[in-house]
Amino acid sequence: ALYQPVCNTSALEREWSDFIAARRTLIHSYPAAMSVPDTDAPHYFVYNPAFALQSHFRPIDDGSRHTVSGGYDGPISFKAIARSIELSSILGCELTLYWLEQYGGGLFLPFKDASCGTATYAGGRYLIDSVKSAFLGISENGALRLDFNYSYFPSCAHDDRYICPLSPPENTLPVFISAGECWH
């Protein structure tokens, strides 16, 4: 329900403040949510329209597969299925989109950028994780909407009870993404 208004609008910036408020409420009131002691968290950069992007993706025939520990959940495997084709001029490289092979299945787009380890979590952030319904939809021209203002830390950044899959090296961006969740 958190992402439904976002997916249904053509104006992501207009939905952003309500989304952030709803996410904070969910994290601090839902009994099964991660434990975040800072009652003002999660914190976000000010909305930055320069990082409200979209891209078409080209399928990858034999993409790399990654398997990481999922703690009590067992190993988590995800496979590269597509690569963006329109982001290099802004991000310094293209992004790889993955398919989670278990853990609910679905699309997964983690990334690291030059903010990681200082302004944001060192392990990176998530832009798409359809297991958690974190998906911004498709644009009118058929591109994936990739608004980095909606990117967020994996649960393990806030709560060490969780073990999360982090971004593989191919999704490490040379630019500082001043959008999305940050430490303060």
Protein backbone atom coordinates (compact mmCIF):
# COMPACT_ATOMS: atom_id res chain seq x y z
CA ALA A 1 0.00 0.00 0.00
CA LEU A 2 2.97 2.33 0.62
CA TYR A 3 4.01 2.30 -3.05
CA GLN A 4 0.55 2.20 -4.65
CA PRO A 5 0.02 6.00 -4.74
CA VAL A 6 3.55 6.38 -6.10
CA CYS A 7 3.01 3.86 -8.91
CA ASN A 8 -0.31 5.47 -9.80
CA THR A 9 0.97 9.03 -10.25
CA SER A 10 2.85 10.67 -13.07
CA ALA A 11 4.25 13.26 -10.61
CA LEU A 12 6.61 11.40 -8.27
CA GLU A 13 7.84 14.59 -6.59
CA ARG A 14 4.29 15.44 -5.51
CA GLU A 15 3.88 12.06 -3.73
CA TRP A 16 7.33 12.09 -2.12
CA SER A 17 6.56 13.93 1.16
CA ASP A 18 3.52 11.75 1.87
CA PHE A 19 5.56 8.65 1.05
CA ILE A 20 8.33 9.64 3.50
CA ALA A 21 5.81 10.37 6.27
CA ALA A 22 4.02 7.05 5.68
CA ARG A 23 7.31 5.14 5.67
CA ARG A 24 8.36 6.70 9.00
CA THR A 25 5.00 5.84 10.53
CA LEU A 26 5.19 2.27 9.24
CA ILE A 27 8.73 1.72 10.56
CA HIS A 28 7.90 3.08 14.02
CA SER A 29 4.46 1.53 14.47
CA TYR A 30 4.43 -1.84 12.72
CA PRO A 31 5.40 -4.58 15.23
CA ALA A 32 7.38 -6.66 12.69
CA ALA A 33 9.34 -3.69 11.30
CA MET A 34 13.04 -3.24 11.88
CA SER A 35 14.03 -1.53 15.11
CA VAL A 36 15.06 2.08 14.46
CA PRO A 37 15.78 3.89 17.75
CA ASP A 38 15.95 7.38 16.17
CA THR A 39 12.28 8.41 16.16
CA ASP A 40 12.91 10.94 13.38
CA ALA A 41 14.45 8.31 11.10
CA PRO A 42 14.63 7.43 8.37
CA HIS A 43 16.23 10.65 7.20
CA TYR A 44 16.23 11.77 3.57
CA PHE A 45 18.09 14.26 1.43
CA VAL A 46 15.89 17.14 0.22
CA TYR A 47 14.04 16.05 -2.92
CA ASN A 48 16.47 16.36 -5.83
CA PRO A 49 14.79 16.39 -9.27
CA ALA A 50 18.19 15.77 -10.94
CA PHE A 51 17.94 12.16 -9.71
CA ALA A 52 14.34 11.53 -10.78
CA LEU A 53 15.26 9.32 -13.74
CA GLN A 54 13.89 6.66 -16.00
CA SER A 55 15.50 4.18 -18.36
CA HIS A 56 14.75 1.38 -20.74
CA PHE A 57 16.64 -1.85 -20.05
CA ARG A 58 18.22 -4.34 -22.42
CA PRO A 59 17.91 -8.04 -21.44
CA ILE A 60 21.06 -9.92 -20.42
CA ASP A 61 21.13 -13.45 -21.80
CA ASP A 62 23.55 -15.05 -19.36
CA GLY A 63 23.78 -12.61 -16.46
CA SER A 64 25.98 -13.00 -13.42
CA ARG A 65 24.53 -14.77 -10.40
CA HIS A 66 25.22 -13.70 -6.83
CA THR A 67 24.54 -15.71 -3.68
CA VAL A 68 24.87 -14.14 -0.25
CA SER A 69 24.04 -15.25 3.27
CA GLY A 70 20.53 -14.51 4.38
CA GLY A 71 21.16 -15.56 7.99
CA TYR A 72 18.26 -17.63 9.30
CA ASP A 73 16.56 -17.35 5.90
CA GLY A 74 19.39 -19.23 4.22
CA PRO A 75 21.26 -18.14 1.12
CA ILE A 76 19.79 -15.39 -1.06
CA SER A 77 20.48 -15.70 -4.79
CA PHE A 78 19.86 -13.12 -7.45
CA LYS A 79 20.67 -13.10 -11.14
CA ALA A 80 21.39 -10.19 -13.50
CA ILE A 81 18.58 -10.04 -16.06
CA ALA A 82 18.84 -6.60 -17.70
CA ARG A 83 21.03 -3.52 -18.00
CA SER A 84 19.90 0.11 -18.33
CA ILE A 85 20.71 1.89 -21.59
CA GLU A 86 20.15 5.59 -20.80
CA LEU A 87 21.90 6.45 -17.53
CA SER A 88 25.66 6.73 -18.24
CA SER A 89 25.62 10.45 -18.97
CA ILE A 90 24.06 11.17 -15.55
CA LEU A 91 25.34 8.36 -13.32
CA GLY A 92 28.69 7.61 -14.93
CA CYS A 93 27.64 4.06 -15.82
CA GLU A 94 24.61 1.90 -16.45
CA LEU A 95 22.73 -0.10 -13.78
CA THR A 96 22.08 -3.83 -13.66
CA LEU A 97 18.62 -5.10 -12.75
CA TYR A 98 18.40 -8.46 -10.96
CA TRP A 99 15.83 -11.16 -10.34
CA LEU A 100 15.67 -12.56 -6.79
CA GLU A 101 15.54 -16.32 -7.19
CA GLN A 102 13.85 -16.95 -3.84
CA TYR A 103 12.98 -14.76 -0.86
CA GLY A 104 9.69 -14.04 -2.54
CA GLY A 105 11.19 -13.59 -6.02
CA GLY A 106 10.95 -10.37 -7.96
CA LEU A 107 12.96 -7.47 -9.30
CA PHE A 108 15.89 -6.13 -7.31
CA LEU A 109 18.03 -3.04 -8.01
CA PRO A 110 20.59 -2.27 -5.30
CA PHE A 111 23.31 0.35 -5.83
CA LYS A 112 26.29 1.99 -4.17
CA ASP A 113 27.48 5.49 -4.95
CA ALA A 114 30.06 8.01 -3.78
CA SER A 115 27.89 8.89 -0.73
CA CYS A 116 28.23 5.38 0.76
CA GLY A 117 30.18 5.28 3.99
CA THR A 118 29.75 8.99 4.72
CA ALA A 119 26.28 10.43 4.06
CA THR A 120 24.64 7.04 3.47
CA TYR A 121 24.97 3.41 4.51
CA ALA A 122 28.32 1.92 3.43
CA GLY A 123 26.62 -1.18 2.00
CA GLY A 124 24.50 0.83 -0.42
CA ARG A 125 20.81 1.41 -0.93
CA TYR A 126 17.87 -0.18 -2.73
CA LEU A 127 15.98 1.46 -5.56
CA ILE A 128 13.78 -1.52 -6.50
CA ASP A 129 12.94 -4.51 -4.31
CA SER A 130 9.63 -5.91 -5.45
CA VAL A 131 9.59 -8.38 -2.53
CA LYS A 132 8.84 -5.30 -0.38
CA SER A 133 6.72 -3.78 -3.17
CA ALA A 134 9.44 -1.14 -3.63
CA PHE A 135 8.71 -0.38 -7.26
CA LEU A 136 7.94 3.01 -8.80
CA GLY A 137 6.23 1.77 -11.93
CA ILE A 138 6.69 2.20 -15.64
CA SER A 139 6.64 5.55 -17.46
CA GLU A 140 4.27 6.32 -20.31
CA ASN A 141 7.04 5.48 -22.80
CA GLY A 142 7.68 2.04 -21.25
CA ALA A 143 10.81 2.91 -19.24
CA LEU A 144 11.36 1.91 -15.62
CA ARG A 145 10.93 4.88 -13.30
CA LEU A 146 14.10 5.18 -11.23
CA ASP A 147 13.60 8.09 -8.85
CA PHE A 148 16.58 7.89 -6.47
CA ASN A 149 14.71 10.17 -4.05
CA TYR A 150 12.79 7.02 -3.06
CA SER A 151 15.92 4.90 -2.53
CA TYR A 152 16.37 3.47 0.94
CA PHE A 153 18.77 1.57 3.18
CA PRO A 154 18.43 -2.19 3.51
CA SER A 155 17.01 -3.25 6.90
CA CYS A 156 20.46 -4.35 8.12
CA ALA A 157 21.63 -0.71 8.08
CA HIS A 158 19.26 0.05 10.96
CA ASP A 159 18.89 -3.29 12.72
CA ASP A 160 21.59 -5.94 13.04
CA ARG A 161 18.97 -8.69 13.38
CA TYR A 162 18.80 -8.61 9.59
CA ILE A 163 21.26 -9.83 6.99
CA CYS A 164 20.61 -8.18 3.65
CA PRO A 165 21.89 -8.66 0.11
CA LEU A 166 24.06 -5.68 -0.79
CA SER A 167 24.94 -4.16 -4.12
CA PRO A 168 27.34 -6.09 -6.36
CA PRO A 169 30.34 -4.18 -7.78
CA GLU A 170 28.69 -3.67 -11.20
CA ASN A 171 26.15 -1.32 -9.58
CA THR A 172 28.74 0.95 -7.98
CA LEU A 173 28.26 4.47 -9.30
CA PRO A 174 31.10 7.02 -9.40
CA VAL A 175 28.74 9.93 -8.60
CA PHE A 176 27.37 11.16 -5.26
CA ILE A 177 23.59 10.54 -5.28
CA SER A 178 22.23 13.37 -3.12
CA ALA A 179 18.75 11.85 -3.10
CA GLY A 180 16.97 9.22 -1.03
CA GLU A 181 17.67 7.96 2.47
CA CYS A 182 20.70 9.37 4.28
CA TRP A 183 22.05 9.30 7.83
CA HIS A 184 20.97 12.85 8.87
